[in-house]
């Protein structure tokens, strides 16, 4: 039996070195591609998650989702109280001594919560109060839907004997005015709840004529009034002041001008420049020095500047001592230095200095007549908003308590008050 011979060849074709190198390179490239794809697929969930977070970073209005930005946006300084200032304590409606910041209206002030409270009693010191008031919005920053109000600030030692006349003045104009009363802390007479002065008294300190305590009281009044951003004009009045026109005419006069009304002048006499202390230089020079009436009417921006100032006030406290009187020089000098172009350089509170002496004439009941009030109301000529007018004074002083009965008799007809 014959057997076939089979020759077994390991390869059908000879395997060259060139083919071996080619296959090795292909294997390395394939392995590298696999590793890259594997790593990419492993990181894909993290990339996808980051994409979702980025997409949701802008929350639409009304959404309840809250996303914290990486860098907090700055908060306006006026919108938050300083950390050192305590949160004001809101009284109940029966509180006797209270600071009221709105009249039958609401305030949008972000410094203190006033939205649903007619009056407010705070526990701030003078320093904290002035600091808080210095942070409130100015006129341009305090746009709000409510009508602008005039703050009537009464500086008195005790009662307001002419209050019934002022009651008639304010009657029917709720929401257009605010009232603040600074009296001696020992004065504790109760004000009827039906009175517009009820709950309008602020925390006061003793005031002594001719001293810096006068300025302290004025700053205290301004600071409390500034906390209500609806207040745009600020009138300082005494317990012997009376209105010369009805509320509507006074309100329109003040609201429709950008000028403040503060008597400021350069008095070369001993009672003027003679009171300047050279030690005030270089912060306050003799060319800056001014004299003026204590009884002012101010625009909101100037009021903020006054309550914010500590630099110049400290100089006055130290170097303006009798016969230098702070109330006659501090605010006039400050306004002259920084806000001269916004001041009318005249007062709207009439007084009679015709008899000379350190104090103006005081009127009693025999002096009250239609002729006197008509002369005060229309006996002058001045410029208002570029036009000449005889309506130069809105208020007058000094009227004693004995004049009340006669003023109430005249007011309905002459002053156009409600009877």
Protein backbone atom coordinates (compact mmCIF):
# COMPACT_ATOMS: atom_id res chain seq x y z
CA UNK A 1 0.00 0.00 0.00
CA UNK A 2 1.33 3.23 -0.92
CA UNK A 3 1.03 6.34 1.19
CA UNK A 4 0.74 9.88 -0.13
CA UNK A 5 3.26 12.30 1.13
CA UNK A 6 1.92 15.67 2.38
CA UNK A 7 4.29 18.52 2.82
CA UNK A 8 2.98 20.97 5.39
CA UNK A 9 4.03 24.56 4.95
CA UNK A 10 3.56 26.87 7.95
CA UNK A 11 2.61 29.85 5.85
CA UNK A 12 1.12 30.09 2.56
CA UNK A 13 3.37 33.04 1.83
CA UNK A 14 6.65 34.00 3.29
CA UNK A 15 6.19 36.45 6.35
CA UNK A 16 8.46 39.40 5.86
CA UNK A 17 9.85 41.80 8.50
CA UNK A 18 7.97 44.63 6.80
CA UNK A 19 4.60 43.03 7.60
CA UNK A 20 5.55 42.48 11.21
CA UNK A 21 6.28 46.16 11.80
CA UNK A 22 3.03 47.18 10.12
CA UNK A 23 0.89 45.00 12.40
CA UNK A 24 2.68 46.19 15.54
CA UNK A 25 2.02 49.84 14.70
CA UNK A 26 -1.65 49.12 14.00
CA UNK A 27 -2.03 47.42 17.36
CA UNK A 28 -0.53 50.40 19.26
CA UNK A 29 -2.74 52.91 17.43
CA UNK A 30 -5.87 50.86 18.13
CA UNK A 31 -5.01 50.51 21.80
CA UNK A 32 -4.46 54.27 22.13
CA UNK A 33 -7.79 55.09 20.51
CA UNK A 34 -9.56 52.70 22.87
CA UNK A 35 -8.02 54.25 25.95
CA UNK A 36 -8.98 57.79 24.84
CA UNK A 37 -12.57 56.77 24.10
CA UNK A 38 -12.83 54.99 27.46
CA UNK A 39 -11.64 58.05 29.39
CA UNK A 40 -14.01 60.32 27.47
CA UNK A 41 -17.02 58.14 28.25
CA UNK A 42 -16.02 57.97 31.92
CA UNK A 43 -15.99 61.80 32.27
CA UNK A 44 -19.12 62.40 30.25
CA UNK A 45 -21.56 62.38 33.26
CA UNK A 46 -19.52 65.10 35.00
CA UNK A 47 -19.49 67.28 31.89
CA UNK A 48 -23.20 66.76 31.40
CA UNK A 49 -23.92 67.64 35.04
CA UNK A 50 -21.83 70.81 34.79
CA UNK A 51 -23.74 71.74 31.65
CA UNK A 52 -27.04 71.38 33.51
CA UNK A 53 -25.83 73.58 36.38
CA UNK A 54 -24.67 76.23 33.94
CA UNK A 55 -28.01 76.14 32.15
CA UNK A 56 -29.95 76.61 35.42
CA UNK A 57 -27.79 79.45 36.76
CA UNK A 58 -30.26 82.07 35.49
CA UNK A 59 -33.46 81.65 37.48
CA UNK A 60 -36.50 83.16 35.77
CA UNK A 61 -38.59 85.75 37.67
CA UNK A 62 -40.94 84.15 40.13
CA UNK A 63 -38.92 80.92 40.40
CA UNK A 64 -38.47 79.49 43.88
CA UNK A 65 -35.06 78.00 43.01
CA UNK A 66 -32.16 79.82 44.55
CA UNK A 67 -28.71 79.67 42.96
CA UNK A 68 -25.75 81.27 44.68
CA UNK A 69 -23.51 83.18 42.26
CA UNK A 70 -19.79 82.66 42.49
CA UNK A 71 -19.25 86.37 43.23
CA UNK A 72 -21.98 88.16 45.21
CA UNK A 73 -23.25 91.31 43.56
CA UNK A 74 -22.62 94.48 45.60
CA UNK A 75 -25.50 95.72 47.75
CA UNK A 76 -26.14 99.49 47.74
CA UNK A 77 -24.96 101.00 50.99
CA UNK A 78 -28.25 102.81 51.57
CA UNK A 79 -30.28 99.63 51.62
CA UNK A 80 -28.82 98.05 54.75
CA UNK A 81 -28.22 99.42 58.22
CA UNK A 82 -24.72 99.37 59.67
CA UNK A 83 -23.93 96.25 61.66
CA UNK A 84 -23.25 98.31 64.75
CA UNK A 85 -26.73 99.84 64.70
CA UNK A 86 -29.41 97.91 66.59
CA UNK A 87 -32.64 97.00 64.90
CA UNK A 88 -35.30 99.59 65.83
CA UNK A 89 -37.94 98.41 68.25
CA UNK A 90 -41.48 98.92 67.03
CA UNK A 91 -43.94 100.06 69.69
CA UNK A 92 -47.55 99.16 69.95
CA UNK A 93 -50.15 101.70 68.97
CA UNK A 94 -50.63 102.87 72.53
CA UNK A 95 -47.07 104.11 73.00
CA UNK A 96 -47.02 107.69 74.23
CA UNK A 97 -43.59 108.82 73.10
CA UNK A 98 -42.98 107.71 69.52
CA UNK A 99 -41.24 108.71 66.34
CA UNK A 100 -43.72 108.79 63.51
CA UNK A 101 -42.51 108.58 59.95
CA UNK A 102 -45.66 108.63 57.86
CA UNK A 103 -49.11 110.14 57.96
CA UNK A 104 -51.90 107.89 56.71
CA UNK A 105 -49.45 106.50 54.18
CA UNK A 106 -46.62 104.07 53.89
CA UNK A 107 -42.94 104.42 53.38
CA UNK A 108 -40.66 102.38 51.16
CA UNK A 109 -37.59 103.05 53.28
CA UNK A 110 -35.27 100.08 53.32
CA UNK A 111 -33.37 101.30 56.38
CA UNK A 112 -36.18 100.70 58.84
CA UNK A 113 -39.46 98.83 58.62
CA UNK A 114 -42.22 101.41 58.31
CA UNK A 115 -44.63 99.78 55.91
CA UNK A 116 -47.43 99.08 58.37
CA UNK A 117 -46.64 101.32 61.31
CA UNK A 118 -47.89 104.82 61.87
CA UNK A 119 -45.26 105.56 64.50
CA UNK A 120 -41.89 104.22 65.44
CA UNK A 121 -39.93 104.26 68.69
CA UNK A 122 -36.28 103.41 68.25
CA UNK A 123 -33.59 102.56 70.75
CA UNK A 124 -30.72 104.18 68.86
CA UNK A 125 -28.23 106.56 70.40
CA UNK A 126 -27.60 109.92 68.70
CA UNK A 127 -24.50 108.52 67.04
CA UNK A 128 -26.38 105.50 65.69
CA UNK A 129 -29.32 107.64 64.59
CA UNK A 130 -27.12 110.08 62.65
CA UNK A 131 -25.20 107.21 61.07
CA UNK A 132 -28.43 105.53 60.00
CA UNK A 133 -29.84 108.77 58.61
CA UNK A 134 -26.64 109.51 56.68
CA UNK A 135 -27.16 106.27 54.73
CA UNK A 136 -30.67 106.99 53.51
CA UNK A 137 -31.36 107.62 49.81
CA UNK A 138 -31.05 111.09 48.35
CA UNK A 139 -33.77 112.66 46.21
CA UNK A 140 -32.57 111.03 42.97
CA UNK A 141 -32.24 107.61 44.61
CA UNK A 142 -35.54 107.66 46.51
CA UNK A 143 -38.03 107.35 43.67
CA UNK A 144 -41.24 105.93 45.08
CA UNK A 145 -44.93 105.92 44.17
CA UNK A 146 -46.04 108.16 47.05
CA UNK A 147 -46.42 111.91 46.92
CA UNK A 148 -43.46 113.83 48.35
CA UNK A 149 -44.00 115.11 51.87
CA UNK A 150 -42.88 118.17 53.80
CA UNK A 151 -41.41 117.48 57.25
CA UNK A 152 -42.44 120.10 59.82
CA UNK A 153 -39.94 119.96 62.69
CA UNK A 154 -40.83 121.80 65.90
CA UNK A 155 -38.04 122.71 68.33
CA UNK A 156 -39.57 123.57 71.69
CA UNK A 157 -38.82 123.39 75.41
CA UNK A 158 -42.25 122.08 76.31
CA UNK A 159 -45.78 122.44 74.91
CA UNK A 160 -46.88 123.91 71.60
CA UNK A 161 -49.26 126.67 72.70
CA UNK A 162 -50.25 127.51 69.12
CA UNK A 163 -51.02 123.88 68.24
CA UNK A 164 -54.77 124.54 67.57
CA UNK A 165 -53.78 126.94 64.78
CA UNK A 166 -51.47 124.34 63.27
CA UNK A 167 -54.23 121.74 63.57
CA UNK A 168 -56.34 123.86 61.21
CA UNK A 169 -53.35 124.29 58.92
CA UNK A 170 -52.78 120.53 58.56
CA UNK A 171 -56.44 119.49 58.46
CA UNK A 172 -57.40 117.56 55.33
CA UNK A 173 -53.88 117.14 53.98
CA UNK A 174 -52.89 113.80 55.47
CA UNK A 175 -50.19 112.02 53.50
CA UNK A 176 -48.50 115.24 52.38
CA UNK A 177 -46.74 116.14 55.62
CA UNK A 178 -44.89 114.66 58.58
CA UNK A 179 -44.52 116.21 62.04
CA UNK A 180 -41.59 115.89 64.45
CA UNK A 181 -41.40 117.53 67.86
CA UNK A 182 -38.22 117.92 69.92
CA UNK A 183 -38.89 119.00 73.50
CA UNK A 184 -37.10 118.77 76.84
CA UNK A 185 -36.94 115.13 78.04
CA UNK A 186 -38.55 116.14 81.36
CA UNK A 187 -41.63 117.46 79.60
CA UNK A 188 -44.33 114.76 79.82
CA UNK A 189 -47.67 116.42 79.07
CA UNK A 190 -50.07 114.09 77.28
CA UNK A 191 -51.13 114.98 73.73
CA UNK A 192 -54.72 114.01 72.81
CA UNK A 193 -54.94 111.06 70.42
CA UNK A 194 -57.08 113.16 68.10
CA UNK A 195 -54.29 115.70 67.65
CA UNK A 196 -51.96 115.66 64.63
CA UNK A 197 -49.14 116.04 67.19
CA UNK A 198 -49.98 112.79 68.96
CA UNK A 199 -47.04 110.40 68.81
CA UNK A 200 -44.85 112.87 66.93
CA UNK A 201 -42.39 113.55 69.70
CA UNK A 202 -38.83 112.30 69.23
CA UNK A 203 -36.26 111.37 71.87
CA UNK A 204 -34.90 114.74 72.93
CA UNK A 205 -32.08 116.07 75.06
CA UNK A 206 -31.80 119.34 77.02
CA UNK A 207 -31.15 122.35 74.78
CA UNK A 208 -29.39 125.49 76.00
CA UNK A 209 -29.51 128.74 74.08
CA UNK A 210 -26.28 129.76 72.39
CA UNK A 211 -24.59 126.34 72.73
CA UNK A 212 -23.91 123.41 70.43
CA UNK A 213 -26.90 121.61 71.96
CA UNK A 214 -29.02 123.67 69.55
CA UNK A 215 -27.29 122.04 66.60
CA UNK A 216 -27.58 118.63 68.24
CA UNK A 217 -31.34 119.08 68.49
CA UNK A 218 -31.61 120.25 64.87
CA UNK A 219 -29.58 117.26 63.67
CA UNK A 220 -31.74 114.97 65.77
CA UNK A 221 -34.89 116.32 64.12
CA UNK A 222 -33.41 116.10 60.63
CA UNK A 223 -32.15 112.56 61.20
CA UNK A 224 -35.53 111.27 62.37
CA UNK A 225 -37.29 112.96 59.47
CA UNK A 226 -34.80 111.62 56.91
CA UNK A 227 -35.66 108.03 57.84
CA UNK A 228 -38.91 108.53 55.96
CA UNK A 229 -37.87 108.67 52.30
CA UNK A 230 -41.16 110.37 51.42
CA UNK A 231 -39.95 113.51 53.20
CA UNK A 232 -38.35 115.75 50.58
CA UNK A 233 -38.43 119.18 52.28
CA UNK A 234 -37.55 119.98 55.90
CA UNK A 235 -38.82 123.02 57.82
CA UNK A 236 -37.48 123.99 61.25
CA UNK A 237 -40.05 125.83 63.39
CA UNK A 238 -40.27 127.08 66.97
CA UNK A 239 -43.16 126.98 69.41
CA UNK A 240 -43.85 130.66 68.58
CA UNK A 241 -44.12 130.19 64.79
CA UNK A 242 -47.34 130.57 62.82
CA UNK A 243 -48.19 129.76 59.18
CA UNK A 244 -48.93 132.73 56.92
CA UNK A 245 -50.73 130.82 54.16
CA UNK A 246 -52.85 127.70 53.94
CA UNK A 247 -51.27 124.29 53.56
CA UNK A 248 -51.79 123.97 49.82
CA UNK A 249 -49.97 127.20 49.01
CA UNK A 250 -47.11 126.39 51.39
CA UNK A 251 -46.78 122.85 50.05
CA UNK A 252 -46.78 123.96 46.40
CA UNK A 253 -44.21 126.67 47.14
CA UNK A 254 -41.77 124.21 48.72
CA UNK A 255 -42.25 121.18 46.48
CA UNK A 256 -42.01 123.07 43.20
CA UNK A 257 -38.50 124.42 43.67
CA UNK A 258 -35.06 122.85 43.97
CA UNK A 259 -33.67 125.65 46.12
CA UNK A 260 -33.38 125.60 49.89
CA UNK A 261 -34.30 128.63 51.98
CA UNK A 262 -31.64 129.56 54.47
CA UNK A 263 -30.53 133.09 55.25
CA UNK A 264 -26.76 133.18 54.63
CA UNK A 265 -24.62 136.30 54.52
CA UNK A 266 -21.09 137.53 55.15
CA UNK A 267 -21.30 139.91 58.10
CA UNK A 268 -18.09 141.97 58.39
CA UNK A 269 -19.02 143.27 61.83
CA UNK A 270 -17.91 142.02 65.23
CA UNK A 271 -21.13 139.99 65.46
CA UNK A 272 -20.18 138.24 62.19
CA UNK A 273 -16.58 137.81 61.13
CA UNK A 274 -15.58 138.94 64.60
CA UNK A 275 -16.78 135.56 65.92
CA UNK A 276 -14.47 133.57 63.65
CA UNK A 277 -11.72 131.70 65.46
CA UNK A 278 -8.45 131.47 63.42
CA UNK A 279 -7.85 128.04 64.95
CA UNK A 280 -10.58 126.74 62.64
CA UNK A 281 -8.16 127.16 59.74
CA UNK A 282 -7.26 125.52 57.40
CA UNK A 283 -10.44 123.39 57.49
CA UNK A 284 -12.64 126.49 57.73
CA UNK A 285 -11.23 129.79 56.52
CA UNK A 286 -12.48 133.30 57.22
CA UNK A 287 -13.66 133.45 53.59
CA UNK A 288 -15.93 130.47 54.26
CA UNK A 289 -17.40 131.96 57.42
CA UNK A 290 -21.10 132.89 57.23
CA UNK A 291 -23.92 133.97 59.48
CA UNK A 292 -27.61 133.23 59.09
CA UNK A 293 -31.01 132.48 60.55
CA UNK A 294 -31.47 129.39 62.64
CA UNK A 295 -34.94 128.75 61.20
CA UNK A 296 -34.35 127.03 57.87
CA UNK A 297 -36.09 125.12 55.12
CA UNK A 298 -33.90 122.55 53.43
CA UNK A 299 -33.86 120.27 50.41
CA UNK A 300 -33.35 116.55 51.19
CA UNK A 301 -29.81 116.39 49.76
CA UNK A 302 -28.59 119.22 52.00
CA UNK A 303 -30.30 117.67 55.02
CA UNK A 304 -28.41 114.41 54.44
CA UNK A 305 -25.13 116.30 54.19
CA UNK A 306 -25.75 118.06 57.50
CA UNK A 307 -26.56 114.91 59.49
CA UNK A 308 -23.60 113.12 57.88
CA UNK A 309 -21.06 115.76 58.85
CA UNK A 310 -18.79 115.14 61.81
CA UNK A 311 -15.60 116.68 60.42
CA UNK A 312 -16.69 120.32 60.40
CA UNK A 313 -19.06 120.01 63.33
CA UNK A 314 -16.24 118.90 65.61
CA UNK A 315 -14.36 122.09 64.71
CA UNK A 316 -17.40 124.22 65.58
CA UNK A 317 -17.88 122.38 68.86
CA UNK A 318 -14.30 123.07 69.85
CA UNK A 319 -13.74 126.61 68.60
CA UNK A 320 -17.20 128.27 68.38
CA UNK A 321 -18.01 129.23 71.97
CA UNK A 322 -20.02 132.28 73.13
CA UNK A 323 -20.03 134.96 71.92
CA UNK A 324 -19.81 132.68 68.88
CA UNK A 325 -23.15 130.90 68.53
CA UNK A 326 -23.26 127.60 66.65
CA UNK A 327 -26.88 127.92 65.58
CA UNK A 328 -26.11 131.17 63.74
CA UNK A 329 -22.95 129.97 61.97
CA UNK A 330 -22.59 126.20 61.60
CA UNK A 331 -25.29 125.39 59.01
CA UNK A 332 -24.90 128.71 57.10
CA UNK A 333 -21.14 128.12 56.80
CA UNK A 334 -21.56 124.47 55.78
CA UNK A 335 -24.17 125.31 53.13
CA UNK A 336 -22.01 128.16 51.82
CA UNK A 337 -19.02 125.84 51.45
CA UNK A 338 -20.78 122.95 49.71
CA UNK A 339 -24.28 123.89 48.53
CA UNK A 340 -24.20 127.62 47.81
CA UNK A 341 -25.68 127.20 44.35
CA UNK A 342 -28.67 125.29 45.78
CA UNK A 343 -29.56 127.91 48.38
CA UNK A 344 -31.72 131.00 47.87
CA UNK A 345 -29.77 132.90 50.56
CA UNK A 346 -32.98 134.02 52.23
CA UNK A 347 -35.22 132.74 55.00
CA UNK A 348 -38.93 132.07 54.57
CA UNK A 349 -39.60 132.67 58.29
CA UNK A 350 -40.38 136.32 59.04
CA UNK A 351 -39.16 138.05 62.22
CA UNK A 352 -39.13 141.67 63.35
CA UNK A 353 -35.64 142.94 64.22
CA UNK A 354 -36.63 146.60 64.00
CA UNK A 355 -36.22 147.18 67.74
CA UNK A 356 -32.64 145.92 67.85
CA UNK A 357 -31.14 143.77 70.59
CA UNK A 358 -30.18 140.09 70.71
CA UNK A 359 -33.76 138.85 70.21
CA UNK A 360 -36.52 139.79 67.76
CA UNK A 361 -39.78 141.41 68.78
CA UNK A 362 -42.36 139.22 70.49
CA UNK A 363 -46.00 139.79 69.55
CA UNK A 364 -48.86 139.70 72.07
CA UNK A 365 -52.61 139.62 71.59
CA UNK A 366 -52.99 143.43 71.26
CA UNK A 367 -50.69 143.35 68.21
CA UNK A 368 -52.76 140.89 66.22
CA UNK A 369 -54.74 142.42 63.36
CA UNK A 370 -55.59 141.86 59.73
CA UNK A 371 -53.25 144.71 58.84
CA UNK A 372 -50.24 143.12 60.59
CA UNK A 373 -50.67 139.75 58.94
CA UNK A 374 -51.35 141.28 55.51
CA UNK A 375 -48.19 143.35 55.78
CA UNK A 376 -46.13 140.31 56.71
CA UNK A 377 -47.68 138.21 53.93
CA UNK A 378 -47.46 140.70 51.09
CA UNK A 379 -45.16 143.49 52.22
CA UNK A 380 -41.96 142.18 50.64
CA UNK A 381 -40.61 141.43 47.20
CA UNK A 382 -38.32 138.55 46.27
CA UNK A 383 -37.46 136.10 43.48
CA UNK A 384 -38.97 132.62 43.28
CA UNK A 385 -38.03 130.28 40.41
CA UNK A 386 -36.76 133.24 38.43
CA UNK A 387 -39.91 135.35 38.88
CA UNK A 388 -40.58 138.30 41.16
CA UNK A 389 -43.21 137.65 43.83
CA UNK A 390 -44.60 139.15 47.04
CA UNK A 391 -44.97 135.70 48.59
CA UNK A 392 -41.59 135.75 50.32
CA UNK A 393 -42.43 134.42 53.80
CA UNK A 394 -44.41 131.28 54.60
CA UNK A 395 -44.08 131.45 58.41
CA UNK A 396 -43.61 134.12 61.06
CA UNK A 397 -42.42 134.36 64.67
CA UNK A 398 -42.42 135.25 67.63
CA UNK A 399 -46.09 135.02 68.64
CA UNK A 400 -46.96 134.52 72.31
CA UNK A 401 -49.62 132.04 73.51
CA UNK A 402 -51.98 134.95 74.16
CA UNK A 403 -52.32 135.52 70.40
CA UNK A 404 -53.97 132.15 69.73
CA UNK A 405 -57.58 133.26 70.16
CA UNK A 406 -57.17 136.22 67.82
CA UNK A 407 -55.23 134.19 65.25
CA UNK A 408 -57.98 131.56 65.18
CA UNK A 409 -60.50 134.30 64.52
CA UNK A 410 -58.52 135.70 61.60
CA UNK A 411 -57.23 132.47 60.08
CA UNK A 412 -60.38 131.16 58.31
CA UNK A 413 -60.73 134.27 56.12
CA UNK A 414 -57.25 135.79 55.87
CA UNK A 415 -55.25 132.58 55.68
CA UNK A 416 -57.91 130.56 53.83
CA UNK A 417 -58.08 127.94 56.55
CA UNK A 418 -61.14 125.80 57.05
CA UNK A 419 -63.41 127.44 59.68
